[in-house]
Amino acid sequence: MSDQSPRAPSWLRSRSGLVLLAFLAIGAFFVITEHTAHVLGILPYLLLLACPLLHLFHGGHRGGHGEHRGHGEGGGGDGAGDSR
């Protein structure tokens, strides 16, 4: 025999939980529809702001252009400049 009792429904499955979810869904719909124009209007500025931030925080390229390996060595390049 099983000693498990039937599980009680979760709070979100109760009547008050479903009403709360319905109100939150309606509120989210109106917030999204009313503020979409504001978000889309600021999007070009966010893209312009992302450019310098990417240059500042992009890791791994702190040494400048002088530390490339394989330049000027006999066989370390990709062969693009070889005339063989």
PDB file of N, CA and C in Angstrom:
ATOM      1  N   MET A   1       0.819  -1.188   0.000  1.00  0.00           N
ATOM      2  CA  MET A   1       0.000   0.000   0.000  1.00  0.00           C
ATOM      3  C   MET A   1       0.858   1.244   0.000  1.00  0.00           C
ATOM      4  N   SER A   2       0.338   2.265  -0.545  1.00  0.00           N
ATOM      5  CA  SER A   2       1.051   3.524  -0.633  1.00  0.00           C
ATOM      6  C   SER A   2       0.594   4.444   0.487  1.00  0.00           C
ATOM      7  N   ASP A   3       1.569   5.057   1.155  1.00  0.00           N
ATOM      8  CA  ASP A   3       1.237   5.983   2.242  1.00  0.00           C
ATOM      9  C   ASP A   3       1.159   7.417   1.762  1.00  0.00           C
ATOM     10  N   GLN A   4       1.204   7.641   0.473  1.00  0.00           N
ATOM     11  CA  GLN A   4       1.179   9.001  -0.041  1.00  0.00           C
ATOM     12  C   GLN A   4      -0.251   9.523  -0.068  1.00  0.00           C
ATOM     13  N   SER A   5      -0.408  10.725   0.422  1.00  0.00           N
ATOM     14  CA  SER A   5      -1.717  11.371   0.354  1.00  0.00           C
ATOM     15  C   SER A   5      -1.816  12.122  -0.965  1.00  0.00           C
ATOM     16  N   PRO A   6      -3.016  12.354  -1.451  1.00  0.00           N
ATOM     17  CA  PRO A   6      -3.140  13.122  -2.689  1.00  0.00           C
ATOM     18  C   PRO A   6      -2.574  14.518  -2.500  1.00  0.00           C
ATOM     19  N   ARG A   7      -1.868  14.953  -3.512  1.00  0.00           N
ATOM     20  CA  ARG A   7      -1.213  16.266  -3.412  1.00  0.00           C
ATOM     21  C   ARG A   7      -2.236  17.381  -3.522  1.00  0.00           C
ATOM     22  N   ALA A   8      -2.038  18.398  -2.700  1.00  0.00           N
ATOM     23  CA  ALA A   8      -2.892  19.580  -2.755  1.00  0.00           C
ATOM     24  C   ALA A   8      -2.498  20.400  -3.976  1.00  0.00           C
ATOM     25  N   PRO A   9      -3.445  21.011  -4.642  1.00  0.00           N
ATOM     26  CA  PRO A   9      -3.102  21.829  -5.815  1.00  0.00           C
ATOM     27  C   PRO A   9      -2.246  23.019  -5.397  1.00  0.00           C
ATOM     28  N   SER A  10      -1.376  23.431  -6.272  1.00  0.00           N
ATOM     29  CA  SER A  10      -0.520  24.573  -5.963  1.00  0.00           C
ATOM     30  C   SER A  10      -1.356  25.848  -5.911  1.00  0.00           C
ATOM     31  N   TRP A  11      -0.740  26.896  -5.351  1.00  0.00           N
ATOM     32  CA  TRP A  11      -1.482  28.138  -5.172  1.00  0.00           C
ATOM     33  C   TRP A  11      -1.841  28.757  -6.519  1.00  0.00           C
ATOM     34  N   LEU A  12      -0.965  28.595  -7.511  1.00  0.00           N
ATOM     35  CA  LEU A  12      -1.250  29.183  -8.815  1.00  0.00           C
ATOM     36  C   LEU A  12      -2.408  28.483  -9.519  1.00  0.00           C
ATOM     37  N   ARG A  13      -2.700  27.267  -9.146  1.00  0.00           N
ATOM     38  CA  ARG A  13      -3.825  26.541  -9.744  1.00  0.00           C
ATOM     39  C   ARG A  13      -5.145  26.840  -9.035  1.00  0.00           C
ATOM     40  N   SER A  14      -5.083  27.561  -7.931  1.00  0.00           N
ATOM     41  CA  SER A  14      -6.323  27.911  -7.229  1.00  0.00           C
ATOM     42  C   SER A  14      -7.026  29.043  -7.971  1.00  0.00           C
ATOM     43  N   ARG A  15      -8.235  29.343  -7.548  1.00  0.00           N
ATOM     44  CA  ARG A  15      -9.017  30.387  -8.219  1.00  0.00           C
ATOM     45  C   ARG A  15      -8.350  31.751  -8.101  1.00  0.00           C
ATOM     46  N   SER A  16      -7.861  32.078  -6.911  1.00  0.00           N
ATOM     47  CA  SER A  16      -7.217  33.390  -6.740  1.00  0.00           C
ATOM     48  C   SER A  16      -5.903  33.457  -7.516  1.00  0.00           C
ATOM     49  N   GLY A  17      -5.193  32.364  -7.610  1.00  0.00           N
ATOM     50  CA  GLY A  17      -3.958  32.348  -8.391  1.00  0.00           C
ATOM     51  C   GLY A  17      -4.212  32.545  -9.873  1.00  0.00           C
ATOM     52  N   LEU A  18      -5.254  31.902 -10.392  1.00  0.00           N
ATOM     53  CA  LEU A  18      -5.602  32.081 -11.804  1.00  0.00           C
ATOM     54  C   LEU A  18      -6.066  33.502 -12.103  1.00  0.00           C
ATOM     55  N   VAL A  19      -6.810  34.098 -11.166  1.00  0.00           N
ATOM     56  CA  VAL A  19      -7.232  35.493 -11.346  1.00  0.00           C
ATOM     57  C   VAL A  19      -6.012  36.413 -11.351  1.00  0.00           C
ATOM     58  N   LEU A  20      -5.060  36.158 -10.462  1.00  0.00           N
ATOM     59  CA  LEU A  20      -3.840  36.967 -10.434  1.00  0.00           C
ATOM     60  C   LEU A  20      -3.058  36.817 -11.735  1.00  0.00           C
ATOM     61  N   LEU A  21      -2.933  35.600 -12.230  1.00  0.00           N
ATOM     62  CA  LEU A  21      -2.231  35.391 -13.496  1.00  0.00           C
ATOM     63  C   LEU A  21      -2.931  36.097 -14.653  1.00  0.00           C
ATOM     64  N   ALA A  22      -4.258  36.094 -14.649  1.00  0.00           N
ATOM     65  CA  ALA A  22      -5.003  36.768 -15.709  1.00  0.00           C
ATOM     66  C   ALA A  22      -4.755  38.280 -15.659  1.00  0.00           C
ATOM     67  N   PHE A  23      -4.799  38.868 -14.469  1.00  0.00           N
ATOM     68  CA  PHE A  23      -4.540  40.302 -14.339  1.00  0.00           C
ATOM     69  C   PHE A  23      -3.101  40.647 -14.736  1.00  0.00           C
ATOM     70  N   LEU A  24      -2.156  39.798 -14.370  1.00  0.00           N
ATOM     71  CA  LEU A  24      -0.763  40.049 -14.763  1.00  0.00           C
ATOM     72  C   LEU A  24      -0.585  39.954 -16.273  1.00  0.00           C
ATOM     73  N   ALA A  25      -1.268  39.011 -16.910  1.00  0.00           N
ATOM     74  CA  ALA A  25      -1.175  38.879 -18.365  1.00  0.00           C
ATOM     75  C   ALA A  25      -1.781  40.090 -19.062  1.00  0.00           C
ATOM     76  N   ILE A  26      -2.930  40.562 -18.569  1.00  0.00           N
ATOM     77  CA  ILE A  26      -3.567  41.750 -19.157  1.00  0.00           C
ATOM     78  C   ILE A  26      -2.680  42.972 -18.952  1.00  0.00           C
ATOM     79  N   GLY A  27      -2.128  43.123 -17.762  1.00  0.00           N
ATOM     80  CA  GLY A  27      -1.238  44.255 -17.487  1.00  0.00           C
ATOM     81  C   GLY A  27       0.009  44.214 -18.350  1.00  0.00           C
ATOM     82  N   ALA A  28       0.603  43.035 -18.521  1.00  0.00           N
ATOM     83  CA  ALA A  28       1.794  42.905 -19.363  1.00  0.00           C
ATOM     84  C   ALA A  28       1.469  43.245 -20.811  1.00  0.00           C
ATOM     85  N   PHE A  29       0.299  42.834 -21.290  1.00  0.00           N
ATOM     86  CA  PHE A  29      -0.100  43.166 -22.657  1.00  0.00           C
ATOM     87  C   PHE A  29      -0.182  44.673 -22.857  1.00  0.00           C
ATOM     88  N   PHE A  30      -0.826  45.382 -21.919  1.00  0.00           N
ATOM     89  CA  PHE A  30      -0.958  46.824 -22.078  1.00  0.00           C
ATOM     90  C   PHE A  30       0.374  47.544 -21.916  1.00  0.00           C
ATOM     91  N   VAL A  31       1.226  47.081 -21.031  1.00  0.00           N
ATOM     92  CA  VAL A  31       2.540  47.713 -20.879  1.00  0.00           C
ATOM     93  C   VAL A  31       3.358  47.532 -22.155  1.00  0.00           C
ATOM     94  N   ILE A  32       3.325  46.337 -22.726  1.00  0.00           N
ATOM     95  CA  ILE A  32       4.091  46.082 -23.947  1.00  0.00           C
ATOM     96  C   ILE A  32       3.552  46.887 -25.117  1.00  0.00           C
ATOM     97  N   THR A  33       2.234  46.937 -25.283  1.00  0.00           N
ATOM     98  CA  THR A  33       1.678  47.648 -26.434  1.00  0.00           C
ATOM     99  C   THR A  33       1.847  49.158 -26.309  1.00  0.00           C
ATOM    100  N   GLU A  34       1.779  49.692 -25.103  1.00  0.00           N
ATOM    101  CA  GLU A  34       1.890  51.142 -24.945  1.00  0.00           C
ATOM    102  C   GLU A  34       3.328  51.637 -24.983  1.00  0.00           C
ATOM    103  N   HIS A  35       4.277  50.805 -24.593  1.00  0.00           N
ATOM    104  CA  HIS A  35       5.661  51.265 -24.503  1.00  0.00           C
ATOM    105  C   HIS A  35       6.547  50.753 -25.624  1.00  0.00           C
ATOM    106  N   THR A  36       5.990  50.049 -26.581  1.00  0.00           N
ATOM    107  CA  THR A  36       6.792  49.558 -27.699  1.00  0.00           C
ATOM    108  C   THR A  36       7.385  50.716 -28.502  1.00  0.00           C
ATOM    109  N   ALA A  37       6.611  51.767 -28.710  1.00  0.00           N
ATOM    110  CA  ALA A  37       7.109  52.915 -29.479  1.00  0.00           C
ATOM    111  C   ALA A  37       8.285  53.583 -28.765  1.00  0.00           C
ATOM    112  N   HIS A  38       8.232  53.650 -27.434  1.00  0.00           N
ATOM    113  CA  HIS A  38       9.336  54.261 -26.693  1.00  0.00           C
ATOM    114  C   HIS A  38      10.594  53.409 -26.798  1.00  0.00           C
ATOM    115  N   VAL A  39      10.440  52.111 -26.694  1.00  0.00           N
ATOM    116  CA  VAL A  39      11.599  51.219 -26.760  1.00  0.00           C
ATOM    117  C   VAL A  39      12.200  51.228 -28.154  1.00  0.00           C
ATOM    118  N   LEU A  40      11.365  51.182 -29.185  1.00  0.00           N
ATOM    119  CA  LEU A  40      11.881  51.192 -30.547  1.00  0.00           C
ATOM    120  C   LEU A  40      12.493  52.540 -30.906  1.00  0.00           C
ATOM    121  N   GLY A  41      12.027  53.610 -30.275  1.00  0.00           N
ATOM    122  CA  GLY A  41      12.591  54.930 -30.531  1.00  0.00           C
ATOM    123  C   GLY A  41      13.988  55.098 -29.965  1.00  0.00           C
ATOM    124  N   ILE A  42      14.290  54.407 -28.894  1.00  0.00           N
ATOM    125  CA  ILE A  42      15.611  54.531 -28.272  1.00  0.00           C
ATOM    126  C   ILE A  42      16.594  53.497 -28.794  1.00  0.00           C
ATOM    127  N   LEU A  43      16.131  52.532 -29.570  1.00  0.00           N
ATOM    128  CA  LEU A  43      16.974  51.446 -30.061  1.00  0.00           C
ATOM    129  C   LEU A  43      18.181  51.922 -30.877  1.00  0.00           C
ATOM    130  N   PRO A  44      18.063  52.895 -31.787  1.00  0.00           N
ATOM    131  CA  PRO A  44      19.271  53.354 -32.506  1.00  0.00           C
ATOM    132  C   PRO A  44      20.331  53.932 -31.576  1.00  0.00           C
ATOM    133  N   TYR A  45      19.910  54.622 -30.529  1.00  0.00           N
ATOM    134  CA  TYR A  45      20.869  55.183 -29.591  1.00  0.00           C
ATOM    135  C   TYR A  45      21.554  54.086 -28.785  1.00  0.00           C
ATOM    136  N   LEU A  46      20.827  53.021 -28.471  1.00  0.00           N
ATOM    137  CA  LEU A  46      21.434  51.900 -27.766  1.00  0.00           C
ATOM    138  C   LEU A  46      22.476  51.206 -28.637  1.00  0.00           C
ATOM    139  N   LEU A  47      22.219  51.111 -29.927  1.00  0.00           N
ATOM    140  CA  LEU A  47      23.206  50.528 -30.832  1.00  0.00           C
ATOM    141  C   LEU A  47      24.459  51.399 -30.919  1.00  0.00           C
ATOM    142  N   LEU A  48      24.266  52.712 -30.975  1.00  0.00           N
ATOM    143  CA  LEU A  48      25.425  53.610 -30.999  1.00  0.00           C
ATOM    144  C   LEU A  48      26.216  53.536 -29.694  1.00  0.00           C
ATOM    145  N   LEU A  49      25.528  53.367 -28.586  1.00  0.00           N
ATOM    146  CA  LEU A  49      26.201  53.242 -27.300  1.00  0.00           C
ATOM    147  C   LEU A  49      26.936  51.913 -27.195  1.00  0.00           C
ATOM    148  N   ALA A  50      26.446  50.891 -27.851  1.00  0.00           N
ATOM    149  CA  ALA A  50      27.079  49.579 -27.767  1.00  0.00           C
ATOM    150  C   ALA A  50      28.441  49.551 -28.450  1.00  0.00           C
ATOM    151  N   CYS A  51      28.648  50.366 -29.468  1.00  0.00           N
ATOM    152  CA  CYS A  51      29.925  50.342 -30.195  1.00  0.00           C
ATOM    153  C   CYS A  51      31.114  50.687 -29.296  1.00  0.00           C
ATOM    154  N   PRO A  52      31.118  51.837 -28.613  1.00  0.00           N
ATOM    155  CA  PRO A  52      32.277  52.112 -27.753  1.00  0.00           C
ATOM    156  C   PRO A  52      32.375  51.154 -26.571  1.00  0.00           C
ATOM    157  N   LEU A  53      31.245  50.681 -26.079  1.00  0.00           N
ATOM    158  CA  LEU A  53      31.303  49.734 -24.964  1.00  0.00           C
ATOM    159  C   LEU A  53      31.924  48.409 -25.392  1.00  0.00           C
ATOM    160  N   LEU A  54      31.645  47.986 -26.607  1.00  0.00           N
ATOM    161  CA  LEU A  54      32.276  46.765 -27.104  1.00  0.00           C
ATOM    162  C   LEU A  54      33.783  46.951 -27.259  1.00  0.00           C
ATOM    163  N   HIS A  55      34.198  48.117 -27.697  1.00  0.00           N
ATOM    164  CA  HIS A  55      35.624  48.373 -27.833  1.00  0.00           C
ATOM    165  C   HIS A  55      36.304  48.436 -26.469  1.00  0.00           C
ATOM    166  N   LEU A  56      35.624  48.986 -25.477  1.00  0.00           N
ATOM    167  CA  LEU A  56      36.212  49.085 -24.142  1.00  0.00           C
ATOM    168  C   LEU A  56      36.315  47.734 -23.457  1.00  0.00           C
ATOM    169  N   PHE A  57      35.278  46.941 -23.545  1.00  0.00           N
ATOM    170  CA  PHE A  57      35.204  45.723 -22.752  1.00  0.00           C
ATOM    171  C   PHE A  57      35.524  44.447 -23.520  1.00  0.00           C
ATOM    172  N   HIS A  58      35.921  44.553 -24.772  1.00  0.00           N
ATOM    173  CA  HIS A  58      36.267  43.363 -25.536  1.00  0.00           C
ATOM    174  C   HIS A  58      37.613  42.864 -25.044  1.00  0.00           C
ATOM    175  N   GLY A  59      37.643  41.673 -24.533  1.00  0.00           N
ATOM    176  CA  GLY A  59      38.858  41.151 -23.913  1.00  0.00           C
ATOM    177  C   GLY A  59      39.798  40.508 -24.907  1.00  0.00           C
ATOM    178  N   GLY A  60      41.055  40.410 -24.508  1.00  0.00           N
ATOM    179  CA  GLY A  60      42.029  39.677 -25.281  1.00  0.00           C
ATOM    180  C   GLY A  60      42.844  40.500 -26.252  1.00  0.00           C
ATOM    181  N   HIS A  61      42.516  41.722 -26.500  1.00  0.00           N
ATOM    182  CA  HIS A  61      43.234  42.546 -27.479  1.00  0.00           C
ATOM    183  C   HIS A  61      43.841  43.758 -26.795  1.00  0.00           C
ATOM    184  N   ARG A  62      44.568  43.527 -25.733  1.00  0.00           N
ATOM    185  CA  ARG A  62      45.133  44.641 -24.983  1.00  0.00           C
ATOM    186  C   ARG A  62      46.544  44.994 -25.434  1.00  0.00           C
ATOM    187  N   GLY A  63      47.165  44.174 -26.263  1.00  0.00           N
ATOM    188  CA  GLY A  63      48.561  44.388 -26.618  1.00  0.00           C
ATOM    189  C   GLY A  63      48.763  45.267 -27.824  1.00  0.00           C
ATOM    190  N   GLY A  64      47.733  45.686 -28.482  1.00  0.00           N
ATOM    191  CA  GLY A  64      47.903  46.481 -29.680  1.00  0.00           C
ATOM    192  C   GLY A  64      48.197  45.597 -30.875  1.00  0.00           C
ATOM    193  N   HIS A  65      48.723  46.209 -31.943  1.00  0.00           N
ATOM    194  CA  HIS A  65      48.976  45.467 -33.167  1.00  0.00           C
ATOM    195  C   HIS A  65      50.404  44.927 -33.239  1.00  0.00           C
ATOM    196  N   GLY A  66      51.248  45.247 -32.277  1.00  0.00           N
ATOM    197  CA  GLY A  66      52.640  44.837 -32.339  1.00  0.00           C
ATOM    198  C   GLY A  66      52.908  43.430 -31.867  1.00  0.00           C
ATOM    199  N   GLU A  67      51.946  42.730 -31.317  1.00  0.00           N
ATOM    200  CA  GLU A  67      52.200  41.424 -30.734  1.00  0.00           C
ATOM    201  C   GLU A  67      51.623  40.282 -31.554  1.00  0.00           C
ATOM    202  N   HIS A  68      51.391  40.472 -32.818  1.00  0.00           N
ATOM    203  CA  HIS A  68      50.875  39.388 -33.650  1.00  0.00           C
ATOM    204  C   HIS A  68      51.974  38.372 -33.871  1.00  0.00           C
ATOM    205  N   ARG A  69      51.672  37.135 -33.735  1.00  0.00           N
ATOM    206  CA  ARG A  69      52.648  36.075 -33.931  1.00  0.00           C
ATOM    207  C   ARG A  69      52.628  35.630 -35.389  1.00  0.00           C
ATOM    208  N   GLY A  70      53.761  35.258 -35.884  1.00  0.00           N
ATOM    209  CA  GLY A  70      53.830  34.708 -37.225  1.00  0.00           C
ATOM    210  C   GLY A  70      54.134  35.732 -38.299  1.00  0.00           C
ATOM    211  N   HIS A  71      54.096  37.007 -38.006  1.00  0.00           N
ATOM    212  CA  HIS A  71      54.395  38.024 -39.002  1.00  0.00           C
ATOM    213  C   HIS A  71      55.902  38.148 -39.148  1.00  0.00           C
ATOM    214  N   GLY A  72      56.373  38.083 -40.341  1.00  0.00           N
ATOM    215  CA  GLY A  72      57.793  38.223 -40.598  1.00  0.00           C
ATOM    216  C   GLY A  72      58.570  36.937 -40.413  1.00  0.00           C
ATOM    217  N   GLU A  73      57.931  35.861 -40.063  1.00  0.00           N
ATOM    218  CA  GLU A  73      58.619  34.594 -39.892  1.00  0.00           C
ATOM    219  C   GLU A  73      58.416  33.743 -41.141  1.00  0.00           C
ATOM    220  N   GLY A  74      59.293  32.775 -41.334  1.00  0.00           N
ATOM    221  CA  GLY A  74      59.305  31.986 -42.547  1.00  0.00           C
ATOM    222  C   GLY A  74      58.060  31.169 -42.806  1.00  0.00           C
ATOM    223  N   GLY A  75      57.470  30.517 -41.870  1.00  0.00           N
ATOM    224  CA  GLY A  75      56.363  29.630 -42.178  1.00  0.00           C
ATOM    225  C   GLY A  75      55.176  29.797 -41.264  1.00  0.00           C
ATOM    226  N   GLY A  76      55.099  30.878 -40.549  1.00  0.00           N
ATOM    227  CA  GLY A  76      54.038  31.007 -39.554  1.00  0.00           C
ATOM    228  C   GLY A  76      52.774  31.634 -40.063  1.00  0.00           C
ATOM    229  N   GLY A  77      52.774  32.159 -41.303  1.00  0.00           N
ATOM    230  CA  GLY A  77      51.595  32.864 -41.799  1.00  0.00           C
ATOM    231  C   GLY A  77      50.584  31.932 -42.427  1.00  0.00           C
ATOM    232  N   ASP A  78      49.563  32.514 -43.006  1.00  0.00           N
ATOM    233  CA  ASP A  78      48.527  31.714 -43.650  1.00  0.00           C
ATOM    234  C   ASP A  78      48.804  31.497 -45.131  1.00  0.00           C
ATOM    235  N   GLY A  79      49.887  32.066 -45.636  1.00  0.00           N
ATOM    236  CA  GLY A  79      50.255  31.849 -47.027  1.00  0.00           C
ATOM    237  C   GLY A  79      49.632  32.836 -47.980  1.00  0.00           C
ATOM    238  N   ALA A  80      48.976  33.850 -47.496  1.00  0.00           N
ATOM    239  CA  ALA A  80      48.302  34.799 -48.382  1.00  0.00           C
ATOM    240  C   ALA A  80      49.287  35.654 -49.150  1.00  0.00           C
ATOM    241  N   GLY A  81      50.454  35.937 -48.566  1.00  0.00           N
ATOM    242  CA  GLY A  81      51.409  36.799 -49.229  1.00  0.00           C
ATOM    243  C   GLY A  81      52.521  36.028 -49.941  1.00  0.00           C
ATOM    244  N   ASP A  82      52.467  34.727 -49.941  1.00  0.00           N
ATOM    245  CA  ASP A  82      53.524  33.934 -50.582  1.00  0.00           C
ATOM    246  C   ASP A  82      53.406  34.006 -52.101  1.00  0.00           C
ATOM    247  N   SER A  83      54.571  34.034 -52.757  1.00  0.00           N
ATOM    248  CA  SER A  83      54.572  34.080 -54.221  1.00  0.00           C
ATOM    249  C   SER A  83      55.047  32.766 -54.819  1.00  0.00           C
ATOM    250  N   ARG A  84      54.912  31.681 -54.108  1.00  0.00           N
ATOM    251  CA  ARG A  84      55.371  30.375 -54.594  1.00  0.00           C
ATOM    252  C   ARG A  84      54.440  29.789 -55.587  1.00  0.00           C
TER     253      ARG A  84
END
